[in-house]
């Protein structure tokens, strides 16, 4: 990544800030200039729209640690059938493809 780009986001709220920062020189503000500080955009937003956006971001987010913990419980359970364990392993493989998630999984 070049020096003029902001660092990569780690969650959806970070993605929003990343997009605002990366497009601040473009016409991303509906004809107006986008402030240098993305927090100003959020603060200037209508409270009802901001509340809706925050709720949407929360609903789209997943607690990865909780998902990893649930996966361990399913794999350790004798009552779980083989198909469900295979599906759980596939999901864990998807989550653990990121080295940071693999480190978190190891900590659990």
C-alpha atoms as a PDB file:
ATOM      1  CA  UNK A   1       0.000   0.000   0.000  1.00  0.00           C
ATOM      2  CA  UNK A   2       1.322   3.419  -0.851  1.00  0.00           C
ATOM      3  CA  UNK A   3       2.071   6.075   1.747  1.00  0.00           C
ATOM      4  CA  UNK A   4      -0.782   8.336   0.632  1.00  0.00           C
ATOM      5  CA  UNK A   5      -3.482   5.756   1.439  1.00  0.00           C
ATOM      6  CA  UNK A   6      -4.835   5.259   4.975  1.00  0.00           C
ATOM      7  CA  UNK A   7      -4.240   1.940   6.703  1.00  0.00           C
ATOM      8  CA  UNK A   8      -6.620  -0.937   5.954  1.00  0.00           C
ATOM      9  CA  UNK A   9      -9.772  -1.186   8.075  1.00  0.00           C
ATOM     10  CA  UNK A  10     -10.354  -3.998  10.566  1.00  0.00           C
ATOM     11  CA  UNK A  11     -14.146  -3.638  10.969  1.00  0.00           C
ATOM     12  CA  UNK A  12     -17.099  -2.008   9.225  1.00  0.00           C
ATOM     13  CA  UNK A  13     -16.785   1.266  11.111  1.00  0.00           C
ATOM     14  CA  UNK A  14     -13.129   1.335  10.122  1.00  0.00           C
ATOM     15  CA  UNK A  15     -14.220   0.636   6.543  1.00  0.00           C
ATOM     16  CA  UNK A  16     -16.507   3.677   6.618  1.00  0.00           C
ATOM     17  CA  UNK A  17     -13.650   5.872   7.854  1.00  0.00           C
ATOM     18  CA  UNK A  18     -11.285   4.304   5.285  1.00  0.00           C
ATOM     19  CA  UNK A  19     -13.710   5.075   2.445  1.00  0.00           C
ATOM     20  CA  UNK A  20     -14.225   8.650   3.599  1.00  0.00           C
ATOM     21  CA  UNK A  21     -10.483   9.243   3.875  1.00  0.00           C
ATOM     22  CA  UNK A  22      -9.646   7.519   0.581  1.00  0.00           C
ATOM     23  CA  UNK A  23     -12.259   9.501  -1.372  1.00  0.00           C
ATOM     24  CA  UNK A  24     -11.897  12.880   0.304  1.00  0.00           C
ATOM     25  CA  UNK A  25     -10.413  14.369  -2.890  1.00  0.00           C
ATOM     26  CA  UNK A  26     -13.288  13.063  -5.016  1.00  0.00           C
ATOM     27  CA  UNK A  27     -16.886  14.240  -5.238  1.00  0.00           C
ATOM     28  CA  UNK A  28     -17.996  11.832  -2.511  1.00  0.00           C
ATOM     29  CA  UNK A  29     -19.857  14.401  -0.471  1.00  0.00           C
ATOM     30  CA  UNK A  30     -22.764  14.937  -2.843  1.00  0.00           C
ATOM     31  CA  UNK A  31     -21.234  18.047  -4.374  1.00  0.00           C
ATOM     32  CA  UNK A  32     -19.685  19.362  -1.166  1.00  0.00           C
ATOM     33  CA  UNK A  33     -16.188  18.954   0.132  1.00  0.00           C
ATOM     34  CA  UNK A  34     -15.514  16.080   2.477  1.00  0.00           C
ATOM     35  CA  UNK A  35     -13.777  17.226   5.667  1.00  0.00           C
ATOM     36  CA  UNK A  36     -10.300  15.964   6.495  1.00  0.00           C
ATOM     37  CA  UNK A  37     -11.687  14.393   9.668  1.00  0.00           C
ATOM     38  CA  UNK A  38     -14.295  11.636   9.002  1.00  0.00           C
ATOM     39  CA  UNK A  39     -15.558  12.078  12.569  1.00  0.00           C
ATOM     40  CA  UNK A  40     -16.861  15.497  11.503  1.00  0.00           C
ATOM     41  CA  UNK A  41     -18.972  13.807   8.824  1.00  0.00           C
ATOM     42  CA  UNK A  42     -20.516  11.494  11.395  1.00  0.00           C
ATOM     43  CA  UNK A  43     -21.103  14.327  13.864  1.00  0.00           C
ATOM     44  CA  UNK A  44     -22.726  16.490  11.166  1.00  0.00           C
ATOM     45  CA  UNK A  45     -25.077  13.653  10.193  1.00  0.00           C
ATOM     46  CA  UNK A  46     -28.761  13.804  11.114  1.00  0.00           C
ATOM     47  CA  UNK A  47     -29.136  11.937  14.452  1.00  0.00           C
ATOM     48  CA  UNK A  48     -31.796   9.626  13.024  1.00  0.00           C
ATOM     49  CA  UNK A  49     -29.630   8.734  10.002  1.00  0.00           C
ATOM     50  CA  UNK A  50     -26.577   8.246  12.211  1.00  0.00           C
ATOM     51  CA  UNK A  51     -28.552   5.971  14.535  1.00  0.00           C
ATOM     52  CA  UNK A  52     -29.756   3.924  11.552  1.00  0.00           C
ATOM     53  CA  UNK A  53     -26.199   3.644  10.174  1.00  0.00           C
ATOM     54  CA  UNK A  54     -24.777   2.581  13.548  1.00  0.00           C
ATOM     55  CA  UNK A  55     -27.517  -0.051  13.957  1.00  0.00           C
ATOM     56  CA  UNK A  56     -26.901  -1.349  10.440  1.00  0.00           C
ATOM     57  CA  UNK A  57     -23.161  -1.642  11.087  1.00  0.00           C
ATOM     58  CA  UNK A  58     -23.766  -3.440  14.393  1.00  0.00           C
ATOM     59  CA  UNK A  59     -26.191  -5.880  12.750  1.00  0.00           C
ATOM     60  CA  UNK A  60     -23.675  -6.645  10.004  1.00  0.00           C
ATOM     61  CA  UNK A  61     -20.843  -7.229  12.449  1.00  0.00           C
ATOM     62  CA  UNK A  62     -20.101 -10.634  13.950  1.00  0.00           C
ATOM     63  CA  UNK A  63     -18.317 -11.378  17.211  1.00  0.00           C
ATOM     64  CA  UNK A  64     -15.560 -13.581  15.807  1.00  0.00           C
ATOM     65  CA  UNK A  65     -14.331 -14.721  19.224  1.00  0.00           C
ATOM     66  CA  UNK A  66     -17.841 -15.884  20.093  1.00  0.00           C
ATOM     67  CA  UNK A  67     -18.090 -17.721  16.758  1.00  0.00           C
ATOM     68  CA  UNK A  68     -14.741 -19.445  17.352  1.00  0.00           C
ATOM     69  CA  UNK A  69     -15.825 -20.457  20.856  1.00  0.00           C
ATOM     70  CA  UNK A  70     -19.093 -21.872  19.532  1.00  0.00           C
ATOM     71  CA  UNK A  71     -17.137 -23.815  16.915  1.00  0.00           C
ATOM     72  CA  UNK A  72     -14.972 -25.393  19.611  1.00  0.00           C
ATOM     73  CA  UNK A  73     -18.065 -26.387  21.605  1.00  0.00           C
ATOM     74  CA  UNK A  74     -19.642 -28.014  18.553  1.00  0.00           C
ATOM     75  CA  UNK A  75     -16.464 -29.915  17.712  1.00  0.00           C
ATOM     76  CA  UNK A  76     -16.050 -31.147  21.299  1.00  0.00           C
ATOM     77  CA  UNK A  77     -19.697 -32.230  21.674  1.00  0.00           C
ATOM     78  CA  UNK A  78     -20.456 -35.944  21.405  1.00  0.00           C
ATOM     79  CA  UNK A  79     -24.098 -35.156  20.582  1.00  0.00           C
ATOM     80  CA  UNK A  80     -23.190 -33.306  17.366  1.00  0.00           C
ATOM     81  CA  UNK A  81     -23.388 -35.328  14.150  1.00  0.00           C
ATOM     82  CA  UNK A  82     -20.517 -35.586  11.673  1.00  0.00           C
ATOM     83  CA  UNK A  83     -22.130 -33.334   9.035  1.00  0.00           C
ATOM     84  CA  UNK A  84     -22.500 -30.473  11.502  1.00  0.00           C
ATOM     85  CA  UNK A  85     -18.883 -30.912  12.630  1.00  0.00           C
ATOM     86  CA  UNK A  86     -17.715 -30.787   8.999  1.00  0.00           C
ATOM     87  CA  UNK A  87     -19.701 -27.598   8.425  1.00  0.00           C
ATOM     88  CA  UNK A  88     -18.209 -26.123  11.604  1.00  0.00           C
ATOM     89  CA  UNK A  89     -14.690 -26.997  10.420  1.00  0.00           C
ATOM     90  CA  UNK A  90     -15.393 -25.273   7.089  1.00  0.00           C
ATOM     91  CA  UNK A  91     -16.555 -22.147   8.923  1.00  0.00           C
ATOM     92  CA  UNK A  92     -13.512 -22.209  11.205  1.00  0.00           C
ATOM     93  CA  UNK A  93     -11.260 -22.582   8.177  1.00  0.00           C
ATOM     94  CA  UNK A  94     -12.826 -19.462   6.657  1.00  0.00           C
ATOM     95  CA  UNK A  95     -12.371 -17.479   9.884  1.00  0.00           C
ATOM     96  CA  UNK A  96      -8.845 -18.710  10.491  1.00  0.00           C
ATOM     97  CA  UNK A  97      -7.587 -17.885   7.003  1.00  0.00           C
ATOM     98  CA  UNK A  98      -6.528 -14.555   8.482  1.00  0.00           C
ATOM     99  CA  UNK A  99      -3.401 -15.021  10.633  1.00  0.00           C
ATOM    100  CA  UNK A 100      -4.718 -12.591  13.265  1.00  0.00           C
ATOM    101  CA  UNK A 101      -7.827 -14.728  13.690  1.00  0.00           C
ATOM    102  CA  UNK A 102      -5.668 -17.841  13.943  1.00  0.00           C
ATOM    103  CA  UNK A 103      -3.719 -16.214  16.791  1.00  0.00           C
ATOM    104  CA  UNK A 104      -6.998 -15.348  18.544  1.00  0.00           C
ATOM    105  CA  UNK A 105      -8.202 -18.929  18.078  1.00  0.00           C
ATOM    106  CA  UNK A 106      -4.987 -20.222  19.623  1.00  0.00           C
ATOM    107  CA  UNK A 107      -5.568 -17.964  22.653  1.00  0.00           C
ATOM    108  CA  UNK A 108      -9.008 -19.487  23.203  1.00  0.00           C
END
